[in-house]
Amino acid sequence: MSESGDSASPRWRGYVFRAVTWIVAVACFYYVFTRIAAAAARDGMTVVEYLVAFFAGADWILWLAVMIPYSVFFFLVDAHVTWRVVRWFNAPDLKFASILPIRASAYVLSLVSEQVGKGAMSLYLLKRHRVAGWEALSSMIFLGLLEIYQLLMFSAGGVLLDFDVVVEASRLLPLDIILPAVFALAFLYLPLHIAYFRGALFKGSKLRDKSLLVAFRRARPVHYLLTVLFKAPNLLGAVVVYTVALHLFQVDVSLGQMLAFLPVIFLAAALPLPFHAGALVLWTVLFPDYPEVGVFSLVMHTFFVLFNALIGVLFLPRANRELFVEEEADTAS
C-alpha cells in the first residue's frame, strides 16, 4: 500500500505540473489575443483580417533567403561548440565530422522533447566512446548553463548600450528594474559557482563529486569563456536575422532593441510552457505597439525547428549506422 502510494505521488505531481503549464499557456495566448484584438479594433478589422494583412505584407522570398542560410549556420556553430565541450570533458579523440550526424539527428528527436535529443547524444557517447551516461549528460548540462549565461551577457550588453529602449518597453512590466536585478544576481553567482566546483568553497561538500556534475568539476574558467565565445556567432546572427525579418514584416525595430531583448525572449522560450507561450507574451510586452509580433515569433520558431529537423533527417541514415550497424559489427568482431 505504501509503495503504491509512493509511486502514485510523483505521477500526480506530474499531472498537476502539466495542468498548470497548460493553464498558464492558455492565459498567455488569451492575453496576446486580447492585445491583437484591441489593435485590430482600432483599425476597424477583425483579428483574422488584421493578421492576414500583417502576413500578406511580408516579402516571403527574401524571408526564406535569410532564414535558410541562418539555420544551416546555426547547426554548424551548434555542432562545433558541442564537439568542443565533449572533447574537453568526455571524448578527447572525437572528430568534428563524427559529431555532425548525431547532433543533427538530435534536432529530429527534439521535436518530441529536448530531453530526448540530449539522451541521443548521451547514447552516442556511450556506444561509440564508452562514456558513462551521467558523465555525457553532465556535458549537456554544462552547455545548457552556458547557453543561459550567454543570453544574459549579451542582453546585459544591449541594455547598457541602449537603456532607453528598456525604459520605453517598461509600460506593462518594470523591465528597467527586473532586468538589471537578474543580471546582477546571475553575474554574482557565476564566480561562486566556479570556485565551488574548483574546490575553493565548501571543501567538505560531496555534491561536486556526483557523476552528473563531472563536467563542472573538470571545467576551468577558460572553458566557460571559450564556450560562450564559440556560441556567440549564433546569438549575434539571430539578432541580425530577427531584425531583418521584422523589417520584412513592416515592424520598425533597431539592432540595439534586438540585442537587449532577443536574449531575454530566448530565455522565456526555455520555460516549460507549451508552444513557448512565455516568449509569446514577452514579445507582446516588449513591443506593445506591435502585438502581432507574438504570432510572428511562432512562425519564426516553427520554421527554425522544422528546418533543423530536416537537416537532422538528412543525417539520420549515417547516425543510425554509427549508433547501431557499426556497433553490431564491432560486437561481432
C-alpha atoms as a PDB file:
ATOM      1  CA  MET A   1       0.000   0.000   0.000  1.00  0.00           C
ATOM      2  CA  SER A   2       2.803   2.346   0.932  1.00  0.00           C
ATOM      3  CA  GLU A   3       4.813   1.555  -2.217  1.00  0.00           C
ATOM      4  CA  SER A   4       1.730   2.110  -4.367  1.00  0.00           C
ATOM      5  CA  GLY A   5       1.172   5.476  -2.697  1.00  0.00           C
ATOM      6  CA  ASP A   6       4.823   6.447  -3.214  1.00  0.00           C
ATOM      7  CA  SER A   7       4.661   5.648  -6.935  1.00  0.00           C
ATOM      8  CA  ALA A   8       1.327   7.408  -7.368  1.00  0.00           C
ATOM      9  CA  SER A   9       2.567  10.623  -5.741  1.00  0.00           C
ATOM     10  CA  PRO A  10       5.153  11.525  -8.436  1.00  0.00           C
ATOM     11  CA  ARG A  11       2.588  10.623 -11.098  1.00  0.00           C
ATOM     12  CA  TRP A  12       0.032  13.012  -9.631  1.00  0.00           C
ATOM     13  CA  ARG A  13       2.666  15.734  -9.273  1.00  0.00           C
ATOM     14  CA  GLY A  14       3.419  15.282 -12.970  1.00  0.00           C
ATOM     15  CA  TYR A  15      -0.265  15.621 -13.870  1.00  0.00           C
ATOM     16  CA  VAL A  16      -0.610  18.745 -11.733  1.00  0.00           C
ATOM     17  CA  PHE A  17       2.536  20.276 -13.274  1.00  0.00           C
ATOM     18  CA  ARG A  18       1.290  19.639 -16.815  1.00  0.00           C
ATOM     19  CA  ALA A  19      -2.139  21.021 -15.974  1.00  0.00           C
ATOM     20  CA  VAL A  20      -0.609  24.189 -14.507  1.00  0.00           C
ATOM     21  CA  THR A  21       1.668  24.716 -17.522  1.00  0.00           C
ATOM     22  CA  TRP A  22      -1.276  24.358 -19.899  1.00  0.00           C
ATOM     23  CA  ILE A  23      -3.397  26.756 -17.858  1.00  0.00           C
ATOM     24  CA  VAL A  24      -0.568  29.317 -17.884  1.00  0.00           C
ATOM     25  CA  ALA A  25      -0.062  28.790 -21.630  1.00  0.00           C
ATOM     26  CA  VAL A  26      -3.772  29.322 -22.332  1.00  0.00           C
ATOM     27  CA  ALA A  27      -3.671  32.503 -20.228  1.00  0.00           C
ATOM     28  CA  CYS A  28      -0.643  33.699 -22.234  1.00  0.00           C
ATOM     29  CA  PHE A  29      -2.400  33.061 -25.544  1.00  0.00           C
ATOM     30  CA  TYR A  30      -5.542  34.785 -24.280  1.00  0.00           C
ATOM     31  CA  TYR A  31      -3.518  37.832 -23.236  1.00  0.00           C
ATOM     32  CA  VAL A  32      -1.858  38.061 -26.656  1.00  0.00           C
ATOM     33  CA  PHE A  33      -5.225  37.550 -28.370  1.00  0.00           C
ATOM     34  CA  THR A  34      -6.783  40.429 -26.419  1.00  0.00           C
ATOM     35  CA  ARG A  35      -3.872  42.727 -27.344  1.00  0.00           C
ATOM     36  CA  ILE A  36      -4.179  41.815 -31.032  1.00  0.00           C
ATOM     37  CA  ALA A  37      -7.972  42.180 -30.894  1.00  0.00           C
ATOM     38  CA  ALA A  38      -7.613  45.692 -29.430  1.00  0.00           C
ATOM     39  CA  ALA A  39      -5.139  46.684 -32.164  1.00  0.00           C
ATOM     40  CA  ALA A  40      -7.415  45.209 -34.852  1.00  0.00           C
ATOM     41  CA  ALA A  41     -10.427  47.079 -33.473  1.00  0.00           C
ATOM     42  CA  ARG A  42      -8.528  50.376 -33.651  1.00  0.00           C
ATOM     43  CA  ASP A  43      -8.001  49.733 -37.370  1.00  0.00           C
ATOM     44  CA  GLY A  44     -11.608  48.646 -37.883  1.00  0.00           C
ATOM     45  CA  MET A  45     -10.687  44.989 -38.593  1.00  0.00           C
ATOM     46  CA  THR A  46     -11.346  41.569 -37.140  1.00  0.00           C
ATOM     47  CA  VAL A  47      -8.419  39.660 -35.631  1.00  0.00           C
ATOM     48  CA  VAL A  48      -8.229  37.395 -38.700  1.00  0.00           C
ATOM     49  CA  GLU A  49      -8.243  40.323 -41.115  1.00  0.00           C
ATOM     50  CA  TYR A  50      -5.593  42.079 -39.055  1.00  0.00           C
ATOM     51  CA  LEU A  51      -3.248  39.071 -39.048  1.00  0.00           C
ATOM     52  CA  VAL A  52      -3.830  38.337 -42.743  1.00  0.00           C
ATOM     53  CA  ALA A  53      -2.908  41.924 -43.578  1.00  0.00           C
ATOM     54  CA  PHE A  54       0.210  41.652 -41.391  1.00  0.00           C
ATOM     55  CA  PHE A  55       1.489  38.476 -43.031  1.00  0.00           C
ATOM     56  CA  ALA A  56       0.391  39.434 -46.549  1.00  0.00           C
ATOM     57  CA  GLY A  57       2.631  42.488 -46.444  1.00  0.00           C
ATOM     58  CA  ALA A  58       5.818  40.466 -45.909  1.00  0.00           C
ATOM     59  CA  ASP A  59       8.412  39.581 -48.558  1.00  0.00           C
ATOM     60  CA  TRP A  60       8.369  35.816 -48.025  1.00  0.00           C
ATOM     61  CA  ILE A  61      11.009  35.024 -50.656  1.00  0.00           C
ATOM     62  CA  LEU A  62      13.518  37.335 -49.025  1.00  0.00           C
ATOM     63  CA  TRP A  63      12.490  35.954 -45.624  1.00  0.00           C
ATOM     64  CA  LEU A  64      13.361  32.416 -46.755  1.00  0.00           C
ATOM     65  CA  ALA A  65      16.622  33.706 -48.238  1.00  0.00           C
ATOM     66  CA  VAL A  66      17.531  34.944 -44.743  1.00  0.00           C
ATOM     67  CA  MET A  67      16.183  32.045 -42.674  1.00  0.00           C
ATOM     68  CA  ILE A  68      17.590  29.071 -44.598  1.00  0.00           C
ATOM     69  CA  PRO A  69      21.278  30.102 -44.549  1.00  0.00           C
ATOM     70  CA  TYR A  70      20.980  31.093 -40.888  1.00  0.00           C
ATOM     71  CA  SER A  71      19.514  27.692 -39.961  1.00  0.00           C
ATOM     72  CA  VAL A  72      22.454  25.929 -41.630  1.00  0.00           C
ATOM     73  CA  PHE A  73      24.883  28.348 -39.982  1.00  0.00           C
ATOM     74  CA  PHE A  74      23.248  27.734 -36.588  1.00  0.00           C
ATOM     75  CA  PHE A  75      23.621  23.969 -36.981  1.00  0.00           C
ATOM     76  CA  LEU A  76      27.331  24.190 -37.799  1.00  0.00           C
ATOM     77  CA  VAL A  77      28.072  26.540 -34.878  1.00  0.00           C
ATOM     78  CA  ASP A  78      25.966  24.446 -32.506  1.00  0.00           C
ATOM     79  CA  ALA A  79      27.707  21.245 -33.601  1.00  0.00           C
ATOM     80  CA  HIS A  80      31.102  22.906 -33.187  1.00  0.00           C
ATOM     81  CA  VAL A  81      30.535  24.059 -29.608  1.00  0.00           C
ATOM     82  CA  THR A  82      29.061  20.653 -28.688  1.00  0.00           C
ATOM     83  CA  TRP A  83      32.123  18.959 -30.177  1.00  0.00           C
ATOM     84  CA  ARG A  84      34.471  21.203 -28.204  1.00  0.00           C
ATOM     85  CA  VAL A  85      32.741  20.543 -24.874  1.00  0.00           C
ATOM     86  CA  VAL A  86      32.536  16.787 -25.428  1.00  0.00           C
ATOM     87  CA  ARG A  87      36.243  16.682 -26.353  1.00  0.00           C
ATOM     88  CA  TRP A  88      37.180  18.623 -23.215  1.00  0.00           C
ATOM     89  CA  PHE A  89      35.208  16.534 -20.746  1.00  0.00           C
ATOM     90  CA  ASN A  90      34.314  13.167 -22.301  1.00  0.00           C
ATOM     91  CA  ALA A  91      35.965  12.004 -25.519  1.00  0.00           C
ATOM     92  CA  PRO A  92      39.298  13.709 -26.406  1.00  0.00           C
ATOM     93  CA  ASP A  93      39.599  11.756 -29.685  1.00  0.00           C
ATOM     94  CA  LEU A  94      36.180  12.719 -31.055  1.00  0.00           C
ATOM     95  CA  LYS A  95      36.363  14.186 -34.588  1.00  0.00           C
ATOM     96  CA  PHE A  96      34.176  17.103 -35.659  1.00  0.00           C
ATOM     97  CA  ALA A  97      32.789  15.144 -38.612  1.00  0.00           C
ATOM     98  CA  SER A  98      31.621  12.446 -36.190  1.00  0.00           C
ATOM     99  CA  ILE A  99      29.512  14.826 -34.104  1.00  0.00           C
ATOM    100  CA  LEU A 100      27.607  16.268 -37.093  1.00  0.00           C
ATOM    101  CA  PRO A 101      25.201  13.354 -37.760  1.00  0.00           C
ATOM    102  CA  ILE A 102      24.303  12.731 -34.131  1.00  0.00           C
ATOM    103  CA  ARG A 103      23.881  16.443 -33.348  1.00  0.00           C
ATOM    104  CA  ALA A 104      21.690  16.876 -36.416  1.00  0.00           C
ATOM    105  CA  SER A 105      19.635  13.790 -35.564  1.00  0.00           C
ATOM    106  CA  ALA A 106      19.048  15.176 -32.075  1.00  0.00           C
ATOM    107  CA  TYR A 107      17.082  18.016 -33.729  1.00  0.00           C
ATOM    108  CA  VAL A 108      14.598  15.445 -35.025  1.00  0.00           C
ATOM    109  CA  LEU A 109      14.199  13.898 -31.577  1.00  0.00           C
ATOM    110  CA  SER A 110      13.896  17.368 -30.013  1.00  0.00           C
ATOM    111  CA  LEU A 111      10.578  17.741 -31.843  1.00  0.00           C
ATOM    112  CA  VAL A 112       9.295  15.271 -29.247  1.00  0.00           C
ATOM    113  CA  SER A 113      11.336  16.574 -26.317  1.00  0.00           C
ATOM    114  CA  GLU A 114      14.573  18.458 -25.754  1.00  0.00           C
ATOM    115  CA  GLN A 115      15.486  15.822 -23.157  1.00  0.00           C
ATOM    116  CA  VAL A 116      15.110  13.064 -25.753  1.00  0.00           C
ATOM    117  CA  GLY A 117      17.557  14.906 -28.017  1.00  0.00           C
ATOM    118  CA  LYS A 118      20.088  15.137 -25.179  1.00  0.00           C
ATOM    119  CA  GLY A 119      19.519  11.445 -24.467  1.00  0.00           C
ATOM    120  CA  ALA A 120      20.502  10.616 -28.049  1.00  0.00           C
ATOM    121  CA  MET A 121      23.780  12.476 -27.609  1.00  0.00           C
ATOM    122  CA  SER A 122      24.455  10.567 -24.390  1.00  0.00           C
ATOM    123  CA  LEU A 123      23.634   7.251 -26.085  1.00  0.00           C
ATOM    124  CA  TYR A 124      26.072   8.008 -28.907  1.00  0.00           C
ATOM    125  CA  LEU A 125      28.883   8.822 -26.479  1.00  0.00           C
ATOM    126  CA  LEU A 126      28.164   5.642 -24.519  1.00  0.00           C
ATOM    127  CA  LYS A 127      28.129   3.370 -27.560  1.00  0.00           C
ATOM    128  CA  ARG A 128      30.915   4.875 -29.627  1.00  0.00           C
ATOM    129  CA  HIS A 129      33.262   6.262 -26.959  1.00  0.00           C
ATOM    130  CA  ARG A 130      32.338   4.301 -23.808  1.00  0.00           C
ATOM    131  CA  VAL A 131      31.420   7.479 -21.923  1.00  0.00           C
ATOM    132  CA  ALA A 132      29.191   6.788 -18.925  1.00  0.00           C
ATOM    133  CA  GLY A 133      25.673   8.155 -19.395  1.00  0.00           C
ATOM    134  CA  TRP A 134      25.735  10.517 -16.411  1.00  0.00           C
ATOM    135  CA  GLU A 135      29.091  11.956 -17.484  1.00  0.00           C
ATOM    136  CA  ALA A 136      27.829  12.554 -21.030  1.00  0.00           C
ATOM    137  CA  LEU A 137      24.710  14.206 -19.635  1.00  0.00           C
ATOM    138  CA  SER A 138      26.876  16.462 -17.472  1.00  0.00           C
ATOM    139  CA  SER A 139      28.358  17.987 -20.638  1.00  0.00           C
ATOM    140  CA  MET A 140      24.840  18.694 -21.923  1.00  0.00           C
ATOM    141  CA  ILE A 141      24.021  20.410 -18.599  1.00  0.00           C
ATOM    142  CA  PHE A 142      27.231  22.442 -18.852  1.00  0.00           C
ATOM    143  CA  LEU A 143      26.183  23.562 -22.352  1.00  0.00           C
ATOM    144  CA  GLY A 144      22.716  24.454 -21.060  1.00  0.00           C
ATOM    145  CA  LEU A 145      24.071  26.606 -18.237  1.00  0.00           C
ATOM    146  CA  LEU A 146      26.451  28.443 -20.575  1.00  0.00           C
ATOM    147  CA  GLU A 147      23.587  28.989 -23.016  1.00  0.00           C
ATOM    148  CA  ILE A 148      21.729  30.831 -20.258  1.00  0.00           C
ATOM    149  CA  TYR A 149      24.790  32.889 -19.341  1.00  0.00           C
ATOM    150  CA  GLN A 150      25.470  33.749 -22.957  1.00  0.00           C
ATOM    151  CA  LEU A 151      21.932  35.102 -23.302  1.00  0.00           C
ATOM    152  CA  LEU A 152      22.272  37.086 -20.072  1.00  0.00           C
ATOM    153  CA  MET A 153      25.651  38.534 -21.089  1.00  0.00           C
ATOM    154  CA  PHE A 154      24.502  39.737 -24.492  1.00  0.00           C
ATOM    155  CA  SER A 155      21.246  41.083 -23.112  1.00  0.00           C
ATOM    156  CA  ALA A 156      23.175  42.970 -20.405  1.00  0.00           C
ATOM    157  CA  GLY A 157      25.415  44.430 -23.101  1.00  0.00           C
ATOM    158  CA  GLY A 158      22.399  45.531 -25.126  1.00  0.00           C
ATOM    159  CA  VAL A 159      20.754  47.085 -22.074  1.00  0.00           C
ATOM    160  CA  LEU A 160      23.927  49.004 -21.192  1.00  0.00           C
ATOM    161  CA  LEU A 161      24.313  50.284 -24.745  1.00  0.00           C
ATOM    162  CA  ASP A 162      20.720  51.499 -25.051  1.00  0.00           C
ATOM    163  CA  PHE A 163      18.941  51.605 -21.687  1.00  0.00           C
ATOM    164  CA  ASP A 164      16.328  53.998 -23.100  1.00  0.00           C
ATOM    165  CA  VAL A 165      14.718  51.197 -25.133  1.00  0.00           C
ATOM    166  CA  VAL A 166      14.272  49.208 -21.916  1.00  0.00           C
ATOM    167  CA  VAL A 167      12.640  52.164 -20.179  1.00  0.00           C
ATOM    168  CA  GLU A 168      10.349  52.664 -23.168  1.00  0.00           C
ATOM    169  CA  ALA A 169       9.339  48.975 -23.120  1.00  0.00           C
ATOM    170  CA  SER A 170       8.538  49.074 -19.375  1.00  0.00           C
ATOM    171  CA  ARG A 171       4.918  50.122 -19.774  1.00  0.00           C
ATOM    172  CA  LEU A 172       3.455  46.756 -18.750  1.00  0.00           C
ATOM    173  CA  LEU A 173       6.302  45.386 -16.604  1.00  0.00           C
ATOM    174  CA  PRO A 174       9.093  47.256 -14.733  1.00  0.00           C
ATOM    175  CA  LEU A 175      11.761  45.779 -17.005  1.00  0.00           C
ATOM    176  CA  ASP A 176      14.145  48.635 -16.214  1.00  0.00           C
ATOM    177  CA  ILE A 177      14.285  47.193 -12.664  1.00  0.00           C
ATOM    178  CA  ILE A 178      13.791  43.464 -13.338  1.00  0.00           C
ATOM    179  CA  LEU A 179      16.494  43.049 -15.992  1.00  0.00           C
ATOM    180  CA  PRO A 180      19.375  44.767 -14.131  1.00  0.00           C
ATOM    181  CA  ALA A 181      18.456  42.807 -10.974  1.00  0.00           C
ATOM    182  CA  VAL A 182      18.536  39.482 -12.845  1.00  0.00           C
ATOM    183  CA  PHE A 183      21.868  40.365 -14.491  1.00  0.00           C
ATOM    184  CA  ALA A 184      23.408  41.328 -11.146  1.00  0.00           C
ATOM    185  CA  LEU A 185      22.311  38.130  -9.404  1.00  0.00           C
ATOM    186  CA  ALA A 186      23.490  35.922 -12.275  1.00  0.00           C
ATOM    187  CA  PHE A 187      26.924  37.507 -12.508  1.00  0.00           C
ATOM    188  CA  LEU A 188      27.404  37.451  -8.741  1.00  0.00           C
ATOM    189  CA  TYR A 189      26.631  33.735  -8.715  1.00  0.00           C
ATOM    190  CA  LEU A 190      28.967  32.641 -11.531  1.00  0.00           C
ATOM    191  CA  PRO A 191      32.338  33.174  -9.759  1.00  0.00           C
ATOM    192  CA  LEU A 192      30.946  31.404  -6.678  1.00  0.00           C
ATOM    193  CA  HIS A 193      29.825  28.518  -8.898  1.00  0.00           C
ATOM    194  CA  ILE A 194      33.268  28.186 -10.477  1.00  0.00           C
ATOM    195  CA  ALA A 195      35.033  28.473  -7.108  1.00  0.00           C
ATOM    196  CA  TYR A 196      32.806  25.754  -5.635  1.00  0.00           C
ATOM    197  CA  PHE A 197      33.477  23.244  -8.415  1.00  0.00           C
ATOM    198  CA  ARG A 198      37.197  24.063  -8.359  1.00  0.00           C
ATOM    199  CA  GLY A 199      37.180  23.071  -4.668  1.00  0.00           C
ATOM    200  CA  ALA A 200      37.832  26.533  -3.230  1.00  0.00           C
ATOM    201  CA  LEU A 201      34.437  26.796  -1.457  1.00  0.00           C
ATOM    202  CA  PHE A 202      32.728  24.305   0.899  1.00  0.00           C
ATOM    203  CA  LYS A 203      35.592  21.843   0.715  1.00  0.00           C
ATOM    204  CA  GLY A 204      33.685  19.184   2.661  1.00  0.00           C
ATOM    205  CA  SER A 205      30.759  19.168   0.211  1.00  0.00           C
ATOM    206  CA  LYS A 206      30.182  15.915  -1.708  1.00  0.00           C
ATOM    207  CA  LEU A 207      27.742  17.341  -4.262  1.00  0.00           C
ATOM    208  CA  ARG A 208      30.533  18.247  -6.679  1.00  0.00           C
ATOM    209  CA  ASP A 209      31.632  14.588  -6.736  1.00  0.00           C
ATOM    210  CA  LYS A 210      28.403  13.424  -8.438  1.00  0.00           C
ATOM    211  CA  SER A 211      28.874  11.915 -11.926  1.00  0.00           C
ATOM    212  CA  LEU A 212      26.108  14.187 -13.202  1.00  0.00           C
ATOM    213  CA  LEU A 213      28.324  17.205 -12.422  1.00  0.00           C
ATOM    214  CA  VAL A 214      31.660  15.865 -13.655  1.00  0.00           C
ATOM    215  CA  ALA A 215      31.870  18.436 -16.483  1.00  0.00           C
ATOM    216  CA  PHE A 216      31.723  21.289 -13.964  1.00  0.00           C
ATOM    217  CA  ARG A 217      34.394  19.601 -11.872  1.00  0.00           C
ATOM    218  CA  ARG A 218      36.711  19.282 -14.858  1.00  0.00           C
ATOM    219  CA  ALA A 219      35.982  22.727 -16.282  1.00  0.00           C
ATOM    220  CA  ARG A 220      38.443  25.552 -15.822  1.00  0.00           C
ATOM    221  CA  PRO A 221      37.446  29.229 -16.123  1.00  0.00           C
ATOM    222  CA  VAL A 222      38.820  29.295 -19.681  1.00  0.00           C
ATOM    223  CA  HIS A 223      36.320  26.595 -20.675  1.00  0.00           C
ATOM    224  CA  TYR A 224      33.444  28.831 -19.577  1.00  0.00           C
ATOM    225  CA  LEU A 225      34.835  31.743 -21.568  1.00  0.00           C
ATOM    226  CA  LEU A 226      35.540  29.711 -24.708  1.00  0.00           C
ATOM    227  CA  THR A 227      32.108  28.074 -24.668  1.00  0.00           C
ATOM    228  CA  VAL A 228      30.409  31.484 -24.595  1.00  0.00           C
ATOM    229  CA  LEU A 229      32.678  32.732 -27.408  1.00  0.00           C
ATOM    230  CA  PHE A 230      32.046  29.632 -29.528  1.00  0.00           C
ATOM    231  CA  LYS A 231      28.278  30.057 -29.048  1.00  0.00           C
ATOM    232  CA  ALA A 232      28.322  33.820 -29.676  1.00  0.00           C
ATOM    233  CA  PRO A 233      28.048  33.719 -33.512  1.00  0.00           C
ATOM    234  CA  ASN A 234      24.637  32.044 -33.283  1.00  0.00           C
ATOM    235  CA  LEU A 235      23.172  34.687 -30.997  1.00  0.00           C
ATOM    236  CA  LEU A 236      24.683  37.599 -32.910  1.00  0.00           C
ATOM    237  CA  GLY A 237      23.373  36.032 -36.111  1.00  0.00           C
ATOM    238  CA  ALA A 238      19.935  35.678 -34.544  1.00  0.00           C
ATOM    239  CA  VAL A 239      19.927  39.379 -33.592  1.00  0.00           C
ATOM    240  CA  VAL A 240      20.627  40.328 -37.213  1.00  0.00           C
ATOM    241  CA  VAL A 241      18.202  37.774 -38.680  1.00  0.00           C
ATOM    242  CA  TYR A 242      15.321  38.754 -36.395  1.00  0.00           C
ATOM    243  CA  THR A 243      15.925  42.458 -37.053  1.00  0.00           C
ATOM    244  CA  VAL A 244      15.868  41.900 -40.820  1.00  0.00           C
ATOM    245  CA  ALA A 245      12.853  39.586 -40.599  1.00  0.00           C
ATOM    246  CA  LEU A 246      10.859  42.077 -38.525  1.00  0.00           C
ATOM    247  CA  HIS A 247      11.586  44.797 -41.065  1.00  0.00           C
ATOM    248  CA  LEU A 248      10.294  42.456 -43.785  1.00  0.00           C
ATOM    249  CA  PHE A 249       7.051  42.330 -41.770  1.00  0.00           C
ATOM    250  CA  GLN A 250       6.975  46.143 -41.523  1.00  0.00           C
ATOM    251  CA  VAL A 251       7.887  46.162 -37.813  1.00  0.00           C
ATOM    252  CA  ASP A 252      10.249  49.027 -37.019  1.00  0.00           C
ATOM    253  CA  VAL A 253      12.965  47.760 -34.652  1.00  0.00           C
ATOM    254  CA  SER A 254      16.642  48.523 -34.209  1.00  0.00           C
ATOM    255  CA  LEU A 255      19.632  46.240 -33.730  1.00  0.00           C
ATOM    256  CA  GLY A 256      20.025  47.736 -30.244  1.00  0.00           C
ATOM    257  CA  GLN A 257      16.495  46.721 -29.278  1.00  0.00           C
ATOM    258  CA  MET A 258      17.011  43.193 -30.535  1.00  0.00           C
ATOM    259  CA  LEU A 259      20.376  42.858 -28.784  1.00  0.00           C
ATOM    260  CA  ALA A 260      18.765  43.874 -25.485  1.00  0.00           C
ATOM    261  CA  PHE A 261      15.511  41.941 -25.844  1.00  0.00           C
ATOM    262  CA  LEU A 262      16.072  38.858 -28.013  1.00  0.00           C
ATOM    263  CA  PRO A 263      18.272  37.010 -25.460  1.00  0.00           C
ATOM    264  CA  VAL A 264      15.603  37.612 -22.798  1.00  0.00           C
ATOM    265  CA  ILE A 265      12.931  36.326 -25.191  1.00  0.00           C
ATOM    266  CA  PHE A 266      15.004  33.200 -25.821  1.00  0.00           C
ATOM    267  CA  LEU A 267      15.238  32.685 -22.049  1.00  0.00           C
ATOM    268  CA  ALA A 268      11.439  32.958 -21.806  1.00  0.00           C
ATOM    269  CA  ALA A 269      11.164  30.406 -24.617  1.00  0.00           C
ATOM    270  CA  ALA A 270      13.071  27.929 -22.424  1.00  0.00           C
ATOM    271  CA  LEU A 271      10.320  27.985 -19.778  1.00  0.00           C
ATOM    272  CA  PRO A 272       8.435  24.643 -19.646  1.00  0.00           C
ATOM    273  CA  LEU A 273       5.285  26.038 -21.262  1.00  0.00           C
ATOM    274  CA  PRO A 274       3.542  24.570 -24.337  1.00  0.00           C
ATOM    275  CA  PHE A 275       4.202  26.361 -27.626  1.00  0.00           C
ATOM    276  CA  HIS A 276       6.816  28.620 -25.968  1.00  0.00           C
ATOM    277  CA  ALA A 277       3.978  30.688 -24.526  1.00  0.00           C
ATOM    278  CA  GLY A 278       6.376  32.632 -22.284  1.00  0.00           C
ATOM    279  CA  ALA A 279       8.222  34.018 -25.298  1.00  0.00           C
ATOM    280  CA  LEU A 280       4.904  34.779 -26.999  1.00  0.00           C
ATOM    281  CA  VAL A 281       3.837  37.067 -24.145  1.00  0.00           C
ATOM    282  CA  LEU A 282       7.253  38.677 -23.824  1.00  0.00           C
ATOM    283  CA  TRP A 283       7.256  39.669 -27.498  1.00  0.00           C
ATOM    284  CA  THR A 284       3.935  41.406 -26.935  1.00  0.00           C
ATOM    285  CA  VAL A 285       5.127  43.091 -23.728  1.00  0.00           C
ATOM    286  CA  LEU A 286       8.411  44.295 -25.239  1.00  0.00           C
ATOM    287  CA  PHE A 287       6.791  45.581 -28.434  1.00  0.00           C
ATOM    288  CA  PRO A 288       3.393  46.883 -27.253  1.00  0.00           C
ATOM    289  CA  ASP A 289       2.852  48.850 -30.486  1.00  0.00           C
ATOM    290  CA  TYR A 290       3.071  45.603 -32.487  1.00  0.00           C
ATOM    291  CA  PRO A 291       1.081  42.911 -30.598  1.00  0.00           C
ATOM    292  CA  GLU A 292       1.078  40.760 -33.741  1.00  0.00           C
ATOM    293  CA  VAL A 293       4.801  40.035 -33.276  1.00  0.00           C
ATOM    294  CA  GLY A 294       3.753  37.258 -30.913  1.00  0.00           C
ATOM    295  CA  VAL A 295       2.321  35.375 -33.886  1.00  0.00           C
ATOM    296  CA  PHE A 296       5.381  36.340 -35.924  1.00  0.00           C
ATOM    297  CA  SER A 297       7.557  34.667 -33.271  1.00  0.00           C
ATOM    298  CA  LEU A 298       5.569  31.430 -33.619  1.00  0.00           C
ATOM    299  CA  VAL A 299       6.175  31.442 -37.370  1.00  0.00           C
ATOM    300  CA  MET A 300       9.906  32.068 -36.885  1.00  0.00           C
ATOM    301  CA  HIS A 301      10.277  29.367 -34.241  1.00  0.00           C
ATOM    302  CA  THR A 302       8.234  26.792 -36.163  1.00  0.00           C
ATOM    303  CA  PHE A 303      10.245  27.280 -39.343  1.00  0.00           C
ATOM    304  CA  PHE A 304      13.543  27.140 -37.471  1.00  0.00           C
ATOM    305  CA  VAL A 305      12.646  23.932 -35.598  1.00  0.00           C
ATOM    306  CA  LEU A 306      11.273  22.190 -38.693  1.00  0.00           C
ATOM    307  CA  PHE A 307      14.201  23.178 -40.915  1.00  0.00           C
ATOM    308  CA  ASN A 308      16.688  21.967 -38.300  1.00  0.00           C
ATOM    309  CA  ALA A 309      14.732  18.710 -38.126  1.00  0.00           C
ATOM    310  CA  LEU A 310      15.047  18.474 -41.925  1.00  0.00           C
ATOM    311  CA  ILE A 311      18.817  18.789 -41.562  1.00  0.00           C
ATOM    312  CA  GLY A 312      18.586  16.004 -38.998  1.00  0.00           C
ATOM    313  CA  VAL A 313      16.639  13.787 -41.399  1.00  0.00           C
ATOM    314  CA  LEU A 314      19.421  14.177 -43.980  1.00  0.00           C
ATOM    315  CA  PHE A 315      21.963  12.951 -41.416  1.00  0.00           C
ATOM    316  CA  LEU A 316      19.707  10.273 -39.905  1.00  0.00           C
ATOM    317  CA  PRO A 317      20.955   7.299 -42.011  1.00  0.00           C
ATOM    318  CA  ARG A 318      24.557   7.996 -41.020  1.00  0.00           C
ATOM    319  CA  ALA A 319      23.602   8.492 -37.368  1.00  0.00           C
ATOM    320  CA  ASN A 320      21.743   5.166 -37.339  1.00  0.00           C
ATOM    321  CA  ARG A 321      24.709   3.469 -38.977  1.00  0.00           C
ATOM    322  CA  GLU A 322      27.089   4.804 -36.340  1.00  0.00           C
ATOM    323  CA  LEU A 323      24.778   4.010 -33.442  1.00  0.00           C
ATOM    324  CA  PHE A 324      23.587   0.555 -34.448  1.00  0.00           C
ATOM    325  CA  VAL A 325      25.134  -1.003 -37.572  1.00  0.00           C
ATOM    326  CA  GLU A 326      28.776  -0.260 -36.721  1.00  0.00           C
ATOM    327  CA  GLU A 327      28.114  -1.156 -33.078  1.00  0.00           C
ATOM    328  CA  GLU A 328      26.836  -4.578 -34.146  1.00  0.00           C
ATOM    329  CA  ALA A 329      29.871  -5.053 -36.388  1.00  0.00           C
ATOM    330  CA  ASP A 330      32.215  -4.171 -33.515  1.00  0.00           C
ATOM    331  CA  THR A 331      30.415  -6.621 -31.261  1.00  0.00           C
ATOM    332  CA  ALA A 332      30.590  -9.388 -33.866  1.00  0.00           C
ATOM    333  CA  SER A 333      34.305  -8.850 -34.463  1.00  0.00           C
END
